[in-house]
N, C-alpha and C. Protein backbone atom coordinates (compact mmCIF):
# COMPACT_ATOMS: atom_id res chain seq x y z
N MET A 1 48.51 46.25 26.40
CA MET A 1 48.43 44.82 26.55
C MET A 1 46.97 44.35 26.50
N VAL A 2 46.12 45.01 27.30
CA VAL A 2 44.71 44.66 27.35
C VAL A 2 44.06 44.94 26.00
N LEU A 3 44.45 46.01 25.37
CA LEU A 3 43.92 46.37 24.09
C LEU A 3 44.26 45.31 23.01
N LYS A 4 45.47 44.79 23.05
CA LYS A 4 45.87 43.71 22.12
C LYS A 4 45.02 42.47 22.31
N ARG A 5 44.80 42.09 23.55
CA ARG A 5 44.01 40.92 23.87
C ARG A 5 42.54 41.10 23.40
N LEU A 6 42.03 42.31 23.62
CA LEU A 6 40.67 42.61 23.23
C LEU A 6 40.56 42.54 21.70
N LYS A 7 41.52 43.11 20.97
CA LYS A 7 41.50 43.05 19.50
C LYS A 7 41.56 41.59 19.02
N LYS A 8 42.42 40.81 19.65
CA LYS A 8 42.57 39.40 19.30
C LYS A 8 41.27 38.65 19.54
N PHE A 9 40.64 38.91 20.67
CA PHE A 9 39.38 38.26 20.99
C PHE A 9 38.30 38.64 19.97
N LEU A 10 38.21 39.94 19.65
CA LEU A 10 37.20 40.38 18.69
C LEU A 10 37.45 39.81 17.30
N LYS A 11 38.71 39.66 16.93
CA LYS A 11 39.04 39.06 15.64
C LYS A 11 38.58 37.61 15.59
N ARG A 12 38.83 36.86 16.67
CA ARG A 12 38.42 35.48 16.73
C ARG A 12 36.88 35.33 16.70
N SER A 13 36.20 36.22 17.37
CA SER A 13 34.75 36.11 17.44
C SER A 13 34.10 36.46 16.12
N ASN A 14 34.78 37.20 15.26
CA ASN A 14 34.23 37.55 13.94
C ASN A 14 34.54 36.51 12.88
N GLU A 15 35.51 35.65 13.15
CA GLU A 15 35.89 34.59 12.21
C GLU A 15 34.83 33.47 12.26
N PRO A 16 34.65 32.78 11.13
CA PRO A 16 33.73 31.65 11.16
C PRO A 16 34.22 30.60 12.16
N GLN A 17 33.27 29.99 12.85
CA GLN A 17 33.61 29.05 13.89
C GLN A 17 33.89 27.64 13.34
N LYS A 18 33.45 27.38 12.13
CA LYS A 18 33.65 26.06 11.55
C LYS A 18 33.86 26.21 10.05
N PRO A 19 34.55 25.30 9.45
CA PRO A 19 34.69 25.34 7.98
C PRO A 19 33.34 25.16 7.33
N PRO A 20 33.11 25.70 6.14
CA PRO A 20 31.78 25.59 5.49
C PRO A 20 31.40 24.18 5.14
N GLU A 21 32.36 23.25 4.97
CA GLU A 21 32.01 21.91 4.59
C GLU A 21 31.57 21.03 5.78
N VAL A 22 31.67 21.57 6.99
CA VAL A 22 31.27 20.81 8.18
C VAL A 22 29.80 21.07 8.44
N GLU A 23 29.07 19.99 8.59
CA GLU A 23 27.65 20.07 8.88
C GLU A 23 27.45 19.86 10.35
N VAL A 24 26.75 20.76 11.00
CA VAL A 24 26.48 20.69 12.44
C VAL A 24 25.03 20.35 12.63
N LYS A 25 24.76 19.26 13.31
CA LYS A 25 23.40 18.86 13.58
C LYS A 25 23.24 18.70 15.08
N ARG A 26 22.15 19.17 15.59
CA ARG A 26 21.87 19.08 17.01
C ARG A 26 21.30 17.70 17.31
N GLN A 27 21.95 17.00 18.22
CA GLN A 27 21.45 15.69 18.64
C GLN A 27 20.42 15.90 19.74
N HIS A 28 19.55 14.92 19.93
CA HIS A 28 18.57 15.10 21.00
C HIS A 28 19.29 15.05 22.36
N SER A 29 18.71 15.77 23.27
CA SER A 29 19.35 15.93 24.58
C SER A 29 18.42 15.46 25.68
N LEU A 30 18.85 15.61 26.90
CA LEU A 30 18.01 15.29 28.03
C LEU A 30 16.75 16.12 28.05
N GLN A 31 16.87 17.38 27.58
CA GLN A 31 15.68 18.25 27.47
C GLN A 31 14.69 17.66 26.51
N ASP A 32 15.15 17.11 25.39
CA ASP A 32 14.25 16.47 24.44
C ASP A 32 13.56 15.25 25.04
N ASP A 33 14.32 14.46 25.80
CA ASP A 33 13.74 13.32 26.49
C ASP A 33 12.66 13.76 27.48
N TYR A 34 12.95 14.81 28.20
CA TYR A 34 12.02 15.35 29.18
C TYR A 34 10.76 15.87 28.46
N ASP A 35 10.93 16.62 27.40
CA ASP A 35 9.80 17.15 26.64
C ASP A 35 8.89 16.04 26.11
N GLN A 36 9.51 14.96 25.60
CA GLN A 36 8.74 13.84 25.10
C GLN A 36 7.96 13.16 26.21
N ALA A 37 8.57 12.97 27.34
CA ALA A 37 7.87 12.36 28.47
C ALA A 37 6.74 13.24 28.96
N MET A 38 6.96 14.55 28.98
CA MET A 38 5.90 15.47 29.41
C MET A 38 4.73 15.49 28.42
N MET A 39 5.05 15.35 27.13
CA MET A 39 3.98 15.30 26.13
C MET A 39 3.11 14.04 26.38
N ALA A 40 3.75 12.92 26.61
CA ALA A 40 3.01 11.69 26.89
C ALA A 40 2.17 11.82 28.16
N ILE A 41 2.73 12.41 29.18
CA ILE A 41 2.00 12.61 30.43
C ILE A 41 0.80 13.51 30.18
N SER A 42 0.97 14.56 29.42
CA SER A 42 -0.12 15.49 29.14
C SER A 42 -1.26 14.76 28.42
N PHE A 43 -0.94 13.94 27.42
CA PHE A 43 -1.95 13.18 26.74
C PHE A 43 -2.68 12.25 27.75
N ALA A 44 -1.93 11.57 28.57
CA ALA A 44 -2.53 10.64 29.52
C ALA A 44 -3.43 11.35 30.51
N GLU A 45 -3.00 12.51 31.01
CA GLU A 45 -3.83 13.28 31.95
C GLU A 45 -5.07 13.85 31.28
N ALA A 46 -5.00 14.12 29.97
CA ALA A 46 -6.11 14.70 29.26
C ALA A 46 -7.15 13.64 28.85
N GLY A 47 -6.89 12.39 29.24
CA GLY A 47 -7.84 11.32 28.90
C GLY A 47 -7.63 10.75 27.52
N ALA A 48 -6.40 10.82 27.02
CA ALA A 48 -6.10 10.28 25.68
C ALA A 48 -4.97 9.26 25.81
N PRO A 49 -5.24 8.12 26.44
CA PRO A 49 -4.15 7.15 26.67
C PRO A 49 -3.59 6.57 25.38
N GLU A 50 -4.38 6.50 24.31
CA GLU A 50 -3.90 5.96 23.05
C GLU A 50 -2.77 6.84 22.50
N GLN A 51 -3.00 8.17 22.53
CA GLN A 51 -1.97 9.09 22.04
C GLN A 51 -0.73 9.06 22.93
N ALA A 52 -0.94 8.95 24.25
CA ALA A 52 0.20 8.86 25.15
C ALA A 52 1.01 7.60 24.88
N ALA A 53 0.33 6.50 24.67
CA ALA A 53 1.03 5.25 24.36
C ALA A 53 1.78 5.36 23.03
N GLU A 54 1.19 6.03 22.05
CA GLU A 54 1.82 6.20 20.77
C GLU A 54 3.09 7.03 20.87
N VAL A 55 3.03 8.14 21.68
CA VAL A 55 4.20 8.99 21.87
C VAL A 55 5.32 8.17 22.53
N MET A 56 4.98 7.43 23.55
CA MET A 56 6.00 6.63 24.24
C MET A 56 6.47 5.48 23.37
N ARG A 57 5.58 4.92 22.54
CA ARG A 57 6.02 3.84 21.67
C ARG A 57 7.02 4.35 20.63
N GLN A 58 6.73 5.51 20.08
CA GLN A 58 7.65 6.09 19.09
C GLN A 58 8.99 6.44 19.74
N TYR A 59 8.95 6.90 20.94
CA TYR A 59 10.16 7.37 21.58
C TYR A 59 10.74 6.31 22.49
N GLY A 60 9.89 5.51 23.05
CA GLY A 60 10.12 4.58 24.10
C GLY A 60 11.42 3.79 24.17
N LYS A 61 11.39 2.55 23.84
CA LYS A 61 12.51 1.68 24.05
C LYS A 61 13.69 1.97 23.11
N ARG A 62 14.83 1.55 23.55
CA ARG A 62 16.01 1.61 22.69
C ARG A 62 15.87 0.54 21.60
N LYS A 63 16.57 0.80 20.50
CA LYS A 63 16.38 -0.06 19.35
C LYS A 63 17.73 -0.54 18.77
N ILE A 64 17.63 -1.67 18.11
CA ILE A 64 18.78 -2.24 17.37
C ILE A 64 18.36 -2.20 15.90
N LEU A 65 19.21 -1.67 15.07
CA LEU A 65 18.99 -1.60 13.64
C LEU A 65 19.64 -2.85 12.99
N VAL A 66 18.82 -3.61 12.28
CA VAL A 66 19.32 -4.81 11.60
C VAL A 66 19.25 -4.53 10.09
N VAL A 67 20.41 -4.52 9.44
CA VAL A 67 20.51 -4.08 8.05
C VAL A 67 20.89 -5.23 7.13
N SER A 68 20.16 -5.33 6.01
CA SER A 68 20.53 -6.28 4.96
C SER A 68 20.48 -5.56 3.62
N GLN A 69 21.48 -5.79 2.78
CA GLN A 69 21.48 -5.21 1.46
C GLN A 69 20.81 -6.15 0.44
N GLU A 70 20.16 -7.14 0.94
CA GLU A 70 19.43 -8.04 0.08
C GLU A 70 18.02 -8.17 0.63
N GLU A 71 17.19 -9.00 0.01
CA GLU A 71 15.82 -9.12 0.46
C GLU A 71 15.67 -10.06 1.67
N ALA A 72 16.69 -10.75 2.05
CA ALA A 72 16.60 -11.64 3.21
C ALA A 72 17.69 -11.33 4.22
N PHE A 73 17.47 -11.80 5.43
CA PHE A 73 18.44 -11.67 6.49
C PHE A 73 19.09 -13.01 6.71
N THR A 74 20.39 -13.01 6.94
CA THR A 74 21.09 -14.30 7.15
C THR A 74 20.62 -14.85 8.51
N GLU A 75 20.72 -16.15 8.62
CA GLU A 75 20.31 -16.83 9.86
C GLU A 75 21.14 -16.34 11.06
N ALA A 76 22.43 -16.13 10.85
CA ALA A 76 23.30 -15.68 11.91
C ALA A 76 22.89 -14.30 12.42
N VAL A 77 22.55 -13.42 11.51
CA VAL A 77 22.12 -12.05 11.86
C VAL A 77 20.81 -12.11 12.64
N MET A 78 19.86 -12.94 12.16
CA MET A 78 18.56 -13.04 12.84
C MET A 78 18.73 -13.57 14.25
N GLU A 79 19.53 -14.61 14.42
CA GLU A 79 19.74 -15.21 15.75
C GLU A 79 20.42 -14.23 16.69
N TYR A 80 21.47 -13.61 16.22
CA TYR A 80 22.22 -12.69 17.06
C TYR A 80 21.36 -11.49 17.48
N ALA A 81 20.64 -10.93 16.50
CA ALA A 81 19.82 -9.74 16.76
C ALA A 81 18.71 -10.07 17.76
N THR A 82 18.02 -11.19 17.61
CA THR A 82 16.93 -11.49 18.53
C THR A 82 17.44 -11.84 19.92
N GLN A 83 18.58 -12.55 20.01
CA GLN A 83 19.13 -12.88 21.32
C GLN A 83 19.60 -11.60 22.04
N LEU A 84 20.28 -10.72 21.31
CA LEU A 84 20.76 -9.48 21.91
C LEU A 84 19.62 -8.59 22.35
N ALA A 85 18.61 -8.48 21.51
CA ALA A 85 17.44 -7.64 21.84
C ALA A 85 16.72 -8.19 23.06
N GLU A 86 16.62 -9.52 23.15
CA GLU A 86 15.94 -10.14 24.29
C GLU A 86 16.75 -9.87 25.58
N ARG A 87 18.04 -10.06 25.53
CA ARG A 87 18.85 -9.83 26.74
C ARG A 87 18.86 -8.38 27.21
N MET A 88 18.83 -7.46 26.22
CA MET A 88 18.95 -6.03 26.57
C MET A 88 17.59 -5.33 26.69
N GLY A 89 16.52 -6.03 26.32
CA GLY A 89 15.20 -5.41 26.38
C GLY A 89 14.97 -4.36 25.29
N TYR A 90 15.59 -4.53 24.13
CA TYR A 90 15.51 -3.59 23.01
C TYR A 90 14.47 -4.02 22.01
N GLU A 91 14.03 -3.09 21.18
CA GLU A 91 13.19 -3.40 20.03
C GLU A 91 14.12 -3.56 18.83
N LEU A 92 13.56 -4.13 17.77
CA LEU A 92 14.34 -4.30 16.50
C LEU A 92 13.73 -3.47 15.37
N ILE A 93 14.56 -2.89 14.58
CA ILE A 93 14.16 -2.26 13.32
C ILE A 93 14.93 -3.01 12.24
N ALA A 94 14.22 -3.72 11.41
CA ALA A 94 14.86 -4.46 10.33
C ALA A 94 14.69 -3.68 9.03
N VAL A 95 15.79 -3.48 8.33
CA VAL A 95 15.73 -2.75 7.06
C VAL A 95 16.40 -3.54 5.95
N ASN A 96 15.68 -3.65 4.84
CA ASN A 96 16.25 -4.22 3.62
C ASN A 96 16.52 -3.06 2.68
N ILE A 97 17.74 -3.01 2.17
CA ILE A 97 18.11 -1.90 1.27
C ILE A 97 18.36 -2.46 -0.11
N GLY A 98 17.53 -2.01 -1.04
CA GLY A 98 17.64 -2.45 -2.43
C GLY A 98 18.44 -1.48 -3.24
N ALA A 99 18.78 -1.91 -4.45
CA ALA A 99 19.59 -1.06 -5.35
C ALA A 99 18.76 0.15 -5.80
N ALA A 100 19.44 1.27 -5.97
CA ALA A 100 18.80 2.49 -6.42
C ALA A 100 18.46 2.38 -7.91
N PRO A 101 17.44 3.08 -8.35
CA PRO A 101 17.16 3.10 -9.80
C PRO A 101 18.36 3.65 -10.56
N SER A 102 18.53 3.16 -11.78
CA SER A 102 19.71 3.51 -12.54
C SER A 102 19.70 4.97 -13.04
N ASP A 103 18.55 5.56 -13.21
CA ASP A 103 18.50 6.97 -13.64
C ASP A 103 17.44 7.70 -12.82
N ARG A 104 17.33 8.98 -13.05
CA ARG A 104 16.42 9.82 -12.25
C ARG A 104 14.96 9.44 -12.51
N ALA A 105 14.60 9.19 -13.71
CA ALA A 105 13.21 8.83 -14.05
C ALA A 105 13.05 7.32 -13.85
N VAL A 106 12.21 6.94 -12.93
CA VAL A 106 12.01 5.53 -12.63
C VAL A 106 11.07 4.95 -13.71
N SER A 107 11.59 3.96 -14.40
CA SER A 107 10.80 3.33 -15.45
C SER A 107 9.81 2.35 -14.82
N ALA A 108 8.86 1.93 -15.64
CA ALA A 108 7.86 0.97 -15.16
C ALA A 108 8.53 -0.34 -14.76
N TYR A 109 9.57 -0.73 -15.49
CA TYR A 109 10.26 -1.95 -15.16
C TYR A 109 10.98 -1.83 -13.82
N GLN A 110 11.65 -0.69 -13.59
CA GLN A 110 12.36 -0.47 -12.33
C GLN A 110 11.36 -0.44 -11.17
N GLN A 111 10.21 0.21 -11.39
CA GLN A 111 9.22 0.24 -10.34
C GLN A 111 8.69 -1.19 -10.03
N HIS A 112 8.50 -1.96 -11.07
CA HIS A 112 8.09 -3.36 -10.89
C HIS A 112 9.14 -4.14 -10.10
N MET A 113 10.42 -3.93 -10.42
CA MET A 113 11.48 -4.63 -9.71
C MET A 113 11.52 -4.21 -8.24
N GLN A 114 11.29 -2.94 -7.96
CA GLN A 114 11.25 -2.46 -6.58
C GLN A 114 10.09 -3.07 -5.82
N GLU A 115 8.92 -3.19 -6.47
CA GLU A 115 7.77 -3.81 -5.85
C GLU A 115 8.05 -5.30 -5.56
N GLU A 116 8.70 -5.97 -6.50
CA GLU A 116 9.07 -7.36 -6.28
C GLU A 116 10.05 -7.48 -5.09
N PHE A 117 11.02 -6.60 -5.03
CA PHE A 117 11.97 -6.60 -3.93
C PHE A 117 11.25 -6.40 -2.61
N GLN A 118 10.31 -5.46 -2.58
CA GLN A 118 9.54 -5.20 -1.32
C GLN A 118 8.74 -6.42 -0.92
N GLY A 119 8.15 -7.11 -1.87
CA GLY A 119 7.37 -8.32 -1.57
C GLY A 119 8.26 -9.41 -1.00
N ARG A 120 9.40 -9.68 -1.62
CA ARG A 120 10.32 -10.71 -1.13
C ARG A 120 10.90 -10.30 0.23
N ALA A 121 11.19 -9.03 0.40
CA ALA A 121 11.73 -8.54 1.68
C ALA A 121 10.70 -8.71 2.80
N ALA A 122 9.45 -8.46 2.49
CA ALA A 122 8.38 -8.62 3.51
C ALA A 122 8.23 -10.07 3.92
N LYS A 123 8.34 -10.99 2.92
CA LYS A 123 8.28 -12.41 3.27
C LYS A 123 9.46 -12.82 4.13
N ALA A 124 10.63 -12.34 3.79
CA ALA A 124 11.84 -12.69 4.56
C ALA A 124 11.76 -12.07 5.95
N ALA A 125 11.24 -10.86 6.06
CA ALA A 125 11.13 -10.19 7.38
C ALA A 125 10.08 -10.91 8.26
N ALA A 126 9.14 -11.61 7.66
CA ALA A 126 8.17 -12.35 8.43
C ALA A 126 8.84 -13.42 9.27
N LEU A 127 9.88 -14.03 8.73
CA LEU A 127 10.65 -15.05 9.49
C LEU A 127 11.34 -14.41 10.67
N LEU A 128 11.95 -13.24 10.48
CA LEU A 128 12.59 -12.53 11.58
C LEU A 128 11.52 -12.08 12.60
N GLU A 129 10.37 -11.67 12.09
CA GLU A 129 9.28 -11.27 12.99
C GLU A 129 8.80 -12.42 13.86
N GLN A 130 8.74 -13.63 13.29
CA GLN A 130 8.36 -14.81 14.06
C GLN A 130 9.38 -15.09 15.16
N LYS A 131 10.65 -15.00 14.84
CA LYS A 131 11.68 -15.21 15.83
C LYS A 131 11.62 -14.18 16.93
N ALA A 132 11.35 -12.92 16.56
CA ALA A 132 11.25 -11.85 17.53
C ALA A 132 10.00 -12.00 18.40
N ALA A 133 8.91 -12.37 17.79
CA ALA A 133 7.64 -12.54 18.54
C ALA A 133 7.77 -13.71 19.54
N ALA A 134 8.49 -14.73 19.19
CA ALA A 134 8.69 -15.85 20.11
C ALA A 134 9.44 -15.40 21.35
N LYS A 135 10.21 -14.35 21.24
CA LYS A 135 10.95 -13.84 22.41
C LYS A 135 10.35 -12.53 22.94
N ASN A 136 9.15 -12.26 22.47
CA ASN A 136 8.37 -11.07 22.93
C ASN A 136 9.12 -9.74 22.64
N ILE A 137 9.65 -9.67 21.42
CA ILE A 137 10.39 -8.47 20.97
C ILE A 137 9.58 -7.78 19.87
N ARG A 138 9.42 -6.50 19.99
CA ARG A 138 8.72 -5.73 18.97
C ARG A 138 9.66 -5.49 17.79
N LEU A 139 9.12 -5.69 16.55
CA LEU A 139 9.92 -5.52 15.37
C LEU A 139 9.21 -4.60 14.39
N THR A 140 9.95 -3.69 13.79
CA THR A 140 9.45 -2.81 12.74
C THR A 140 10.27 -3.12 11.49
N HIS A 141 9.57 -3.34 10.37
CA HIS A 141 10.28 -3.63 9.13
C HIS A 141 10.16 -2.47 8.15
N VAL A 142 11.28 -2.12 7.54
CA VAL A 142 11.37 -0.99 6.62
C VAL A 142 12.14 -1.44 5.36
N VAL A 143 11.70 -0.98 4.21
CA VAL A 143 12.42 -1.23 2.96
C VAL A 143 12.83 0.13 2.40
N LYS A 144 14.13 0.26 2.06
CA LYS A 144 14.66 1.49 1.47
C LYS A 144 15.38 1.11 0.19
N PHE A 145 15.51 2.09 -0.70
CA PHE A 145 16.27 1.89 -1.93
C PHE A 145 17.33 2.96 -2.05
N GLY A 146 18.49 2.57 -2.52
CA GLY A 146 19.57 3.52 -2.76
C GLY A 146 20.78 3.21 -1.93
N ASP A 147 21.51 4.25 -1.61
CA ASP A 147 22.80 4.15 -0.89
C ASP A 147 22.57 3.65 0.56
N VAL A 148 23.42 2.76 0.99
CA VAL A 148 23.31 2.19 2.34
C VAL A 148 23.46 3.28 3.38
N GLY A 149 24.46 4.11 3.21
CA GLY A 149 24.73 5.18 4.18
C GLY A 149 23.57 6.14 4.31
N GLN A 150 23.00 6.55 3.20
CA GLN A 150 21.83 7.46 3.24
C GLN A 150 20.64 6.80 3.88
N ALA A 151 20.44 5.51 3.58
CA ALA A 151 19.30 4.77 4.17
C ALA A 151 19.45 4.68 5.68
N VAL A 152 20.64 4.33 6.17
CA VAL A 152 20.89 4.24 7.60
C VAL A 152 20.72 5.58 8.27
N GLU A 153 21.22 6.62 7.62
CA GLU A 153 21.10 7.97 8.17
C GLU A 153 19.62 8.39 8.27
N ALA A 154 18.83 8.10 7.23
CA ALA A 154 17.40 8.46 7.24
C ALA A 154 16.65 7.69 8.34
N ILE A 155 16.95 6.44 8.52
CA ILE A 155 16.28 5.65 9.53
C ILE A 155 16.71 6.11 10.93
N ASN A 156 17.96 6.45 11.06
CA ASN A 156 18.44 6.97 12.35
C ASN A 156 17.74 8.27 12.73
N ARG A 157 17.41 9.10 11.74
CA ARG A 157 16.68 10.33 12.02
C ARG A 157 15.19 10.05 12.30
N GLU A 158 14.63 9.08 11.57
CA GLU A 158 13.20 8.80 11.64
C GLU A 158 12.82 8.09 12.95
N TYR A 159 13.60 7.11 13.35
CA TYR A 159 13.33 6.34 14.53
C TYR A 159 14.31 6.78 15.62
N ARG A 160 13.80 7.08 16.74
CA ARG A 160 14.65 7.54 17.86
C ARG A 160 15.23 6.40 18.63
N ARG A 161 16.30 6.69 19.31
CA ARG A 161 16.95 5.80 20.27
C ARG A 161 17.54 4.53 19.65
N ILE A 162 18.07 4.62 18.45
CA ILE A 162 18.76 3.46 17.88
C ILE A 162 20.16 3.46 18.50
N GLU A 163 20.48 2.33 19.16
CA GLU A 163 21.70 2.25 19.93
C GLU A 163 22.83 1.56 19.18
N LEU A 164 22.52 0.61 18.29
CA LEU A 164 23.56 -0.10 17.58
C LEU A 164 22.99 -0.72 16.30
N MET A 165 23.90 -1.17 15.46
CA MET A 165 23.51 -1.73 14.16
C MET A 165 24.14 -3.11 13.98
N ILE A 166 23.35 -4.06 13.51
CA ILE A 166 23.84 -5.39 13.21
C ILE A 166 23.64 -5.63 11.72
N THR A 167 24.68 -6.13 11.08
CA THR A 167 24.59 -6.43 9.64
C THR A 167 25.43 -7.66 9.35
N ASP A 168 25.34 -8.13 8.13
CA ASP A 168 26.24 -9.23 7.73
C ASP A 168 27.50 -8.62 7.16
N SER A 169 28.46 -9.46 6.85
CA SER A 169 29.78 -8.97 6.44
C SER A 169 29.80 -8.33 5.06
N ARG A 170 28.70 -8.40 4.33
CA ARG A 170 28.68 -7.81 2.98
C ARG A 170 28.62 -6.29 3.02
N THR A 171 28.11 -5.73 4.09
CA THR A 171 28.05 -4.27 4.22
C THR A 171 29.44 -3.77 4.66
N LYS A 172 30.00 -2.87 3.87
CA LYS A 172 31.33 -2.35 4.14
C LYS A 172 31.24 -1.13 5.04
N LYS A 173 32.20 -0.96 5.88
CA LYS A 173 32.26 0.15 6.81
C LYS A 173 32.27 1.48 6.06
N GLN A 174 32.89 1.51 4.86
CA GLN A 174 32.96 2.74 4.08
C GLN A 174 31.60 3.18 3.58
N GLU A 175 30.65 2.26 3.46
CA GLU A 175 29.32 2.59 3.00
C GLU A 175 28.46 3.27 4.03
N LEU A 176 28.86 3.17 5.27
CA LEU A 176 28.07 3.73 6.34
C LEU A 176 28.44 5.21 6.54
N PRO A 177 27.48 6.05 6.83
CA PRO A 177 27.74 7.46 6.96
C PRO A 177 28.57 7.76 8.22
N ALA A 178 29.49 8.70 8.07
CA ALA A 178 30.31 9.09 9.22
C ALA A 178 29.49 9.90 10.21
N ARG A 179 28.40 10.51 9.73
CA ARG A 179 27.57 11.35 10.60
C ARG A 179 26.70 10.55 11.54
N VAL A 180 26.48 9.28 11.25
CA VAL A 180 25.66 8.43 12.12
C VAL A 180 26.64 7.71 13.04
N ASN A 181 26.58 8.01 14.27
CA ASN A 181 27.50 7.47 15.24
C ASN A 181 26.88 6.27 15.94
N LEU A 182 26.94 5.12 15.26
CA LEU A 182 26.39 3.89 15.81
C LEU A 182 27.47 2.82 15.83
N PRO A 183 27.54 2.05 16.92
CA PRO A 183 28.43 0.88 16.87
C PRO A 183 27.87 -0.12 15.87
N VAL A 184 28.73 -0.70 15.03
CA VAL A 184 28.32 -1.63 13.99
C VAL A 184 28.86 -3.01 14.30
N PHE A 185 27.98 -3.99 14.40
CA PHE A 185 28.36 -5.39 14.58
C PHE A 185 28.14 -6.08 13.25
N SER A 186 29.27 -6.43 12.63
CA SER A 186 29.24 -7.10 11.33
C SER A 186 29.54 -8.56 11.48
N LEU A 187 28.56 -9.40 11.22
CA LEU A 187 28.72 -10.83 11.43
C LEU A 187 29.18 -11.51 10.14
N LYS A 188 30.18 -12.35 10.26
CA LYS A 188 30.67 -13.12 9.15
C LYS A 188 29.93 -14.46 9.14
N THR A 189 29.44 -14.82 7.97
CA THR A 189 28.72 -16.10 7.86
C THR A 189 29.68 -17.12 7.22
N HIS A 190 29.67 -18.30 7.78
CA HIS A 190 30.50 -19.39 7.23
C HIS A 190 29.60 -20.27 6.38
N GLN A 191 29.98 -20.36 5.13
CA GLN A 191 29.12 -21.16 4.21
C GLN A 191 29.90 -22.30 3.66
């Protein structure tokens, strides 16, 4: 009886624990939070307050991701995001996602169109930045090109402590990556 159980246990331990198509990623933990805080404290104690502030700024406050698939943010999204960030004490990360180049080699025309998109997105983000600054909210603006899901996933990896995402109704739930576990607030605009 014991021998059967031992054989069964050994057989299970030799089998793969997950299917090969499943990707396992380690999320940050309390230990990571502790390590980050200790790094900032070490910089501060070593007489480098600028570096300590930078570590805490990068890791510091929780953030709201504001996503637009165009170069501008709708008024409803801007109002909702700034009011929510103000009430919760969060920072904002605004991202404009442009269309991906049509082929692998980016032509001069496509590069010009991406530069134009970045310029228009920066102007539109300035309005959101004014609204955020009026409420004493820190805002970071990012422009990405390509798939919405991949862009959200990349930003989620790059910036820590993103708690939720706000977008307009044009972004479809299917476009968002399943691996990024963020609550999504999709606002419908009445026109």
